[in-house]
Amino acid sequence: MIDKFKIIEDKEFGYRRVDPVPDDKEIDDFYSKKYYKMAKDGTGNPDQILKFMGADDKEAEKERLWLRNSMYSDILHIINKFSLGKSILDIGCGTGELMSYLEESGFKTHGVEPSADAVRIVKDKGLSISNMTIDEFAECNEKKFDVITMISVLEHVPHPPNVIEKLKNMLNNNGILCVIVPNDFSDIQY
């Protein structure tokens, strides 16, 4: 599957993304057969996953340190600065690493993740999660959230403005949407 895709600069939205945008089945196949399998069978430490995705040792180390020391703490800083509430929805939560970090910081999280393998890992951590796509969740969800995070997900959706509008409708008044998309630092972010 990986050979079918390339990384392009999306001129309309101003970020780099996977092209063509994979459908839900392709994403689930990739993550369930490769990425989450490594997490599930114990070989899924960040270095090994990054190496699988084509990073050399130096890149893998940079990425691991960046996630631990920068991205999660930056997200927490933004949430603490701009949000008065404690409810957080994490779209495309993967194996729940950000959710765990935020729960440890006193927030109540809920994740949305289409990969059944990732959902099992999140449930094993005792976290709240829905095994569905963004669209499916938006159709059945009636709850509002103080914060919605979407980390390295937007570049995988075919119509970003539609997704943003759906997420906006799930926010409480004065809620915040925290979206992070890949940059040109590293292809392993895609």
C-alpha atoms as a PDB file:
ATOM      1  CA  MET A   1       0.000   0.000   0.000  1.00  0.00           C
ATOM      2  CA  ILE A   2       2.748   2.481   0.899  1.00  0.00           C
ATOM      3  CA  ASP A   3       4.134   2.440  -2.649  1.00  0.00           C
ATOM      4  CA  LYS A   4       0.782   3.648  -3.997  1.00  0.00           C
ATOM      5  CA  PHE A   5       1.022   6.964  -2.137  1.00  0.00           C
ATOM      6  CA  LYS A   6       3.309   9.968  -2.234  1.00  0.00           C
ATOM      7  CA  ILE A   7       3.661  13.131  -0.185  1.00  0.00           C
ATOM      8  CA  ILE A   8       2.558  16.326  -1.945  1.00  0.00           C
ATOM      9  CA  GLU A   9       2.222  19.991  -1.066  1.00  0.00           C
ATOM     10  CA  ASP A  10      -1.488  20.809  -0.859  1.00  0.00           C
ATOM     11  CA  LYS A  11      -1.689  24.287  -2.391  1.00  0.00           C
ATOM     12  CA  GLU A  12      -5.312  24.812  -1.355  1.00  0.00           C
ATOM     13  CA  PHE A  13      -4.793  24.132   2.360  1.00  0.00           C
ATOM     14  CA  GLY A  14      -1.099  24.978   2.748  1.00  0.00           C
ATOM     15  CA  TYR A  15       0.304  21.749   4.160  1.00  0.00           C
ATOM     16  CA  ARG A  16       1.881  18.548   2.923  1.00  0.00           C
ATOM     17  CA  ARG A  17      -0.314  15.478   2.729  1.00  0.00           C
ATOM     18  CA  VAL A  18      -0.640  11.961   1.419  1.00  0.00           C
ATOM     19  CA  ASP A  19      -1.798  11.698  -2.216  1.00  0.00           C
ATOM     20  CA  PRO A  20      -4.116  10.234  -3.165  1.00  0.00           C
ATOM     21  CA  VAL A  21      -6.009  10.603   0.109  1.00  0.00           C
ATOM     22  CA  PRO A  22      -6.494   7.029   1.332  1.00  0.00           C
ATOM     23  CA  ASP A  23     -10.017   5.837   1.999  1.00  0.00           C
ATOM     24  CA  ASP A  24     -11.092   4.490   5.410  1.00  0.00           C
ATOM     25  CA  LYS A  25     -10.371   0.878   4.436  1.00  0.00           C
ATOM     26  CA  GLU A  26      -6.861   1.684   3.171  1.00  0.00           C
ATOM     27  CA  ILE A  27      -6.039   3.577   6.358  1.00  0.00           C
ATOM     28  CA  ASP A  28      -7.397   0.781   8.537  1.00  0.00           C
ATOM     29  CA  ASP A  29      -5.518  -1.857   6.530  1.00  0.00           C
ATOM     30  CA  PHE A  30      -2.241   0.021   6.844  1.00  0.00           C
ATOM     31  CA  TYR A  31      -2.539   0.710  10.552  1.00  0.00           C
ATOM     32  CA  SER A  32      -3.981  -2.662  11.541  1.00  0.00           C
ATOM     33  CA  LYS A  33      -1.531  -4.714   9.475  1.00  0.00           C
ATOM     34  CA  LYS A  34       1.622  -2.708  10.111  1.00  0.00           C
ATOM     35  CA  TYR A  35       1.612   0.178  12.559  1.00  0.00           C
ATOM     36  CA  TYR A  36      -0.642  -1.060  15.375  1.00  0.00           C
ATOM     37  CA  LYS A  37       0.560  -4.629  15.010  1.00  0.00           C
ATOM     38  CA  MET A  38       3.943  -3.402  16.207  1.00  0.00           C
ATOM     39  CA  ALA A  39       2.327  -1.680  19.178  1.00  0.00           C
ATOM     40  CA  LYS A  40       0.213  -4.723  19.997  1.00  0.00           C
ATOM     41  CA  ASP A  41       2.974  -7.325  19.796  1.00  0.00           C
ATOM     42  CA  GLY A  42       5.428  -5.292  21.847  1.00  0.00           C
ATOM     43  CA  THR A  43       7.683  -4.208  19.001  1.00  0.00           C
ATOM     44  CA  GLY A  44       5.882  -0.897  18.721  1.00  0.00           C
ATOM     45  CA  ASN A  45       8.185   1.436  20.547  1.00  0.00           C
ATOM     46  CA  PRO A  46       8.510   4.769  18.752  1.00  0.00           C
ATOM     47  CA  ASP A  47      11.973   4.031  17.374  1.00  0.00           C
ATOM     48  CA  GLN A  48      10.909   0.776  15.720  1.00  0.00           C
ATOM     49  CA  ILE A  49       7.708   2.241  14.306  1.00  0.00           C
ATOM     50  CA  LEU A  50       9.629   5.189  12.897  1.00  0.00           C
ATOM     51  CA  LYS A  51      12.241   2.886  11.371  1.00  0.00           C
ATOM     52  CA  PHE A  52       9.447   0.857   9.780  1.00  0.00           C
ATOM     53  CA  MET A  53       8.147   4.073   8.265  1.00  0.00           C
ATOM     54  CA  GLY A  54      11.549   4.769   6.714  1.00  0.00           C
ATOM     55  CA  ALA A  55      13.335   6.898   9.287  1.00  0.00           C
ATOM     56  CA  ASP A  56      16.969   6.359  10.127  1.00  0.00           C
ATOM     57  CA  ASP A  57      18.178   6.187  13.756  1.00  0.00           C
ATOM     58  CA  LYS A  58      18.838   9.908  13.990  1.00  0.00           C
ATOM     59  CA  GLU A  59      15.413  10.855  12.596  1.00  0.00           C
ATOM     60  CA  ALA A  60      13.688   8.362  14.874  1.00  0.00           C
ATOM     61  CA  GLU A  61      15.394   9.805  17.930  1.00  0.00           C
ATOM     62  CA  LYS A  62      14.501  13.377  16.933  1.00  0.00           C
ATOM     63  CA  GLU A  63      10.879  12.412  16.396  1.00  0.00           C
ATOM     64  CA  ARG A  64      10.637  10.521  19.687  1.00  0.00           C
ATOM     65  CA  LEU A  65      12.066  13.421  21.677  1.00  0.00           C
ATOM     66  CA  TRP A  66       9.888  15.909  19.828  1.00  0.00           C
ATOM     67  CA  LEU A  67       6.724  14.005  20.714  1.00  0.00           C
ATOM     68  CA  ARG A  68       7.607  13.624  24.365  1.00  0.00           C
ATOM     69  CA  ASN A  69       9.144  16.998  25.103  1.00  0.00           C
ATOM     70  CA  SER A  70       7.429  19.357  22.737  1.00  0.00           C
ATOM     71  CA  MET A  71       4.196  18.421  21.052  1.00  0.00           C
ATOM     72  CA  TYR A  72       2.260  17.026  24.023  1.00  0.00           C
ATOM     73  CA  SER A  73       3.442  19.756  26.380  1.00  0.00           C
ATOM     74  CA  ASP A  74       2.661  22.410  23.740  1.00  0.00           C
ATOM     75  CA  ILE A  75      -0.859  21.028  23.360  1.00  0.00           C
ATOM     76  CA  LEU A  76      -1.320  21.023  27.138  1.00  0.00           C
ATOM     77  CA  HIS A  77      -0.072  24.617  27.317  1.00  0.00           C
ATOM     78  CA  ILE A  78      -2.578  25.725  24.657  1.00  0.00           C
ATOM     79  CA  ILE A  79      -5.425  23.924  26.404  1.00  0.00           C
ATOM     80  CA  ASN A  80      -4.550  25.393  29.810  1.00  0.00           C
ATOM     81  CA  LYS A  81      -4.207  28.887  28.358  1.00  0.00           C
ATOM     82  CA  PHE A  82      -7.377  29.015  26.279  1.00  0.00           C
ATOM     83  CA  SER A  83      -9.858  26.511  27.710  1.00  0.00           C
ATOM     84  CA  LEU A  84     -11.800  26.755  30.936  1.00  0.00           C
ATOM     85  CA  GLY A  85     -13.261  23.273  30.586  1.00  0.00           C
ATOM     86  CA  LYS A  86     -11.913  19.798  31.110  1.00  0.00           C
ATOM     87  CA  SER A  87     -13.618  17.676  28.428  1.00  0.00           C
ATOM     88  CA  ILE A  88     -11.430  16.719  25.472  1.00  0.00           C
ATOM     89  CA  LEU A  89     -12.240  14.801  22.299  1.00  0.00           C
ATOM     90  CA  ASP A  90      -9.190  13.358  20.517  1.00  0.00           C
ATOM     91  CA  ILE A  91      -9.970  12.601  16.863  1.00  0.00           C
ATOM     92  CA  GLY A  92      -7.750   9.888  15.376  1.00  0.00           C
ATOM     93  CA  CYS A  93      -6.372   9.126  18.816  1.00  0.00           C
ATOM     94  CA  GLY A  94      -4.339   6.108  17.702  1.00  0.00           C
ATOM     95  CA  THR A  95      -3.200   4.147  20.736  1.00  0.00           C
ATOM     96  CA  GLY A  96      -4.188   6.919  23.143  1.00  0.00           C
ATOM     97  CA  GLU A  97      -0.785   8.379  23.997  1.00  0.00           C
ATOM     98  CA  LEU A  98      -2.027  11.989  23.988  1.00  0.00           C
ATOM     99  CA  MET A  99      -5.195  10.963  25.822  1.00  0.00           C
ATOM    100  CA  SER A 100      -3.137   9.314  28.582  1.00  0.00           C
ATOM    101  CA  TYR A 101      -0.955  12.415  28.879  1.00  0.00           C
ATOM    102  CA  LEU A 102      -4.009  14.683  29.148  1.00  0.00           C
ATOM    103  CA  GLU A 103      -5.791  12.383  31.628  1.00  0.00           C
ATOM    104  CA  GLU A 104      -2.677  12.487  33.845  1.00  0.00           C
ATOM    105  CA  SER A 105      -2.965  16.286  33.692  1.00  0.00           C
ATOM    106  CA  GLY A 106      -6.531  16.222  35.044  1.00  0.00           C
ATOM    107  CA  PHE A 107      -8.633  16.230  31.884  1.00  0.00           C
ATOM    108  CA  LYS A 108     -11.469  13.892  30.917  1.00  0.00           C
ATOM    109  CA  THR A 109     -10.848  12.534  27.423  1.00  0.00           C
ATOM    110  CA  HIS A 110     -12.720  10.569  24.813  1.00  0.00           C
ATOM    111  CA  GLY A 111     -11.098   9.253  21.654  1.00  0.00           C
ATOM    112  CA  VAL A 112     -12.368   8.497  18.175  1.00  0.00           C
ATOM    113  CA  GLU A 113     -10.357   5.971  16.176  1.00  0.00           C
ATOM    114  CA  PRO A 114     -11.320   3.845  13.159  1.00  0.00           C
ATOM    115  CA  SER A 115      -8.689   1.131  13.756  1.00  0.00           C
ATOM    116  CA  ALA A 116     -10.035  -1.759  15.835  1.00  0.00           C
ATOM    117  CA  ASP A 117      -6.489  -2.748  16.819  1.00  0.00           C
ATOM    118  CA  ALA A 118      -5.743   0.720  18.171  1.00  0.00           C
ATOM    119  CA  VAL A 119      -9.090   0.797  19.981  1.00  0.00           C
ATOM    120  CA  ARG A 120      -8.206  -2.421  21.829  1.00  0.00           C
ATOM    121  CA  ILE A 121      -4.953  -0.850  23.005  1.00  0.00           C
ATOM    122  CA  VAL A 122      -6.780   2.286  24.201  1.00  0.00           C
ATOM    123  CA  LYS A 123      -9.392   0.207  26.033  1.00  0.00           C
ATOM    124  CA  ASP A 124      -6.611  -1.779  27.725  1.00  0.00           C
ATOM    125  CA  LYS A 125      -5.400   1.560  29.114  1.00  0.00           C
ATOM    126  CA  GLY A 126      -8.859   2.138  30.603  1.00  0.00           C
ATOM    127  CA  LEU A 127      -9.626   5.131  28.396  1.00  0.00           C
ATOM    128  CA  SER A 128     -12.945   6.071  26.781  1.00  0.00           C
ATOM    129  CA  ILE A 129     -13.060   5.525  23.021  1.00  0.00           C
ATOM    130  CA  SER A 130     -15.398   5.112  20.043  1.00  0.00           C
ATOM    131  CA  ASN A 131     -14.358   2.752  17.237  1.00  0.00           C
ATOM    132  CA  MET A 132     -15.557   4.756  14.223  1.00  0.00           C
ATOM    133  CA  THR A 133     -14.646   7.387  11.678  1.00  0.00           C
ATOM    134  CA  ILE A 134     -15.025  11.129  12.192  1.00  0.00           C
ATOM    135  CA  ASP A 135     -18.152  11.147  10.022  1.00  0.00           C
ATOM    136  CA  GLU A 136     -19.759   8.254  11.906  1.00  0.00           C
ATOM    137  CA  PHE A 137     -19.019   9.879  15.257  1.00  0.00           C
ATOM    138  CA  ALA A 138     -20.383  13.252  14.125  1.00  0.00           C
ATOM    139  CA  GLU A 139     -23.656  11.594  13.085  1.00  0.00           C
ATOM    140  CA  CYS A 140     -24.328   9.878  16.418  1.00  0.00           C
ATOM    141  CA  ASN A 141     -22.642  12.170  18.951  1.00  0.00           C
ATOM    142  CA  GLU A 142     -24.801  14.547  20.966  1.00  0.00           C
ATOM    143  CA  LYS A 143     -22.156  15.669  23.458  1.00  0.00           C
ATOM    144  CA  LYS A 144     -20.243  18.960  23.292  1.00  0.00           C
ATOM    145  CA  PHE A 145     -16.561  19.221  24.213  1.00  0.00           C
ATOM    146  CA  ASP A 146     -14.389  22.011  25.584  1.00  0.00           C
ATOM    147  CA  VAL A 147     -11.438  20.977  23.431  1.00  0.00           C
ATOM    148  CA  ILE A 148     -11.095  18.855  20.308  1.00  0.00           C
ATOM    149  CA  THR A 149      -7.648  17.697  19.230  1.00  0.00           C
ATOM    150  CA  MET A 150      -6.856  16.306  15.817  1.00  0.00           C
ATOM    151  CA  ILE A 151      -3.190  15.435  15.438  1.00  0.00           C
ATOM    152  CA  SER A 152      -1.885  14.276  12.045  1.00  0.00           C
ATOM    153  CA  VAL A 153      -5.379  13.411  10.811  1.00  0.00           C
ATOM    154  CA  LEU A 154      -6.571  16.289   8.625  1.00  0.00           C
ATOM    155  CA  GLU A 155      -4.118  15.399   5.855  1.00  0.00           C
ATOM    156  CA  HIS A 156      -5.872  12.025   5.519  1.00  0.00           C
ATOM    157  CA  VAL A 157      -9.383  13.361   4.915  1.00  0.00           C
ATOM    158  CA  PRO A 158     -10.726  14.140   1.435  1.00  0.00           C
ATOM    159  CA  HIS A 159     -12.677  17.304   2.381  1.00  0.00           C
ATOM    160  CA  PRO A 160     -10.981  19.168   5.270  1.00  0.00           C
ATOM    161  CA  PRO A 161     -13.481  22.080   5.434  1.00  0.00           C
ATOM    162  CA  ASN A 162     -16.371  19.634   5.935  1.00  0.00           C
ATOM    163  CA  VAL A 163     -14.543  17.900   8.782  1.00  0.00           C
ATOM    164  CA  ILE A 164     -13.675  21.205  10.466  1.00  0.00           C
ATOM    165  CA  GLU A 165     -17.334  22.264  10.291  1.00  0.00           C
ATOM    166  CA  LYS A 166     -18.452  18.985  11.909  1.00  0.00           C
ATOM    167  CA  LEU A 167     -15.913  19.406  14.693  1.00  0.00           C
ATOM    168  CA  LYS A 168     -16.935  23.020  15.232  1.00  0.00           C
ATOM    169  CA  ASN A 169     -20.494  21.814  15.863  1.00  0.00           C
ATOM    170  CA  MET A 170     -19.209  19.504  18.629  1.00  0.00           C
ATOM    171  CA  LEU A 171     -17.508  22.311  20.564  1.00  0.00           C
ATOM    172  CA  ASN A 172     -18.944  24.102  23.580  1.00  0.00           C
ATOM    173  CA  ASN A 173     -19.172  27.893  23.361  1.00  0.00           C
ATOM    174  CA  ASN A 174     -15.612  29.241  23.538  1.00  0.00           C
ATOM    175  CA  GLY A 175     -14.288  25.733  22.918  1.00  0.00           C
ATOM    176  CA  ILE A 176     -11.017  25.266  21.090  1.00  0.00           C
ATOM    177  CA  LEU A 177     -10.022  23.097  18.168  1.00  0.00           C
ATOM    178  CA  CYS A 178      -6.359  22.097  18.159  1.00  0.00           C
ATOM    179  CA  VAL A 179      -5.287  20.774  14.747  1.00  0.00           C
ATOM    180  CA  ILE A 180      -1.746  19.754  13.902  1.00  0.00           C
ATOM    181  CA  VAL A 181      -0.780  18.802  10.364  1.00  0.00           C
ATOM    182  CA  PRO A 182       2.617  17.578   9.145  1.00  0.00           C
ATOM    183  CA  ASN A 183       5.211  20.046   8.006  1.00  0.00           C
ATOM    184  CA  ASP A 184       8.327  19.607   5.939  1.00  0.00           C
ATOM    185  CA  PHE A 185      10.448  18.600   8.956  1.00  0.00           C
ATOM    186  CA  SER A 186      10.071  14.915   8.315  1.00  0.00           C
ATOM    187  CA  ASP A 187       8.215  12.590   5.955  1.00  0.00           C
ATOM    188  CA  ILE A 188       7.625  10.189   8.840  1.00  0.00           C
ATOM    189  CA  GLN A 189       4.924  12.544  10.118  1.00  0.00           C
ATOM    190  CA  TYR A 190       2.619  11.472   7.316  1.00  0.00           C
END
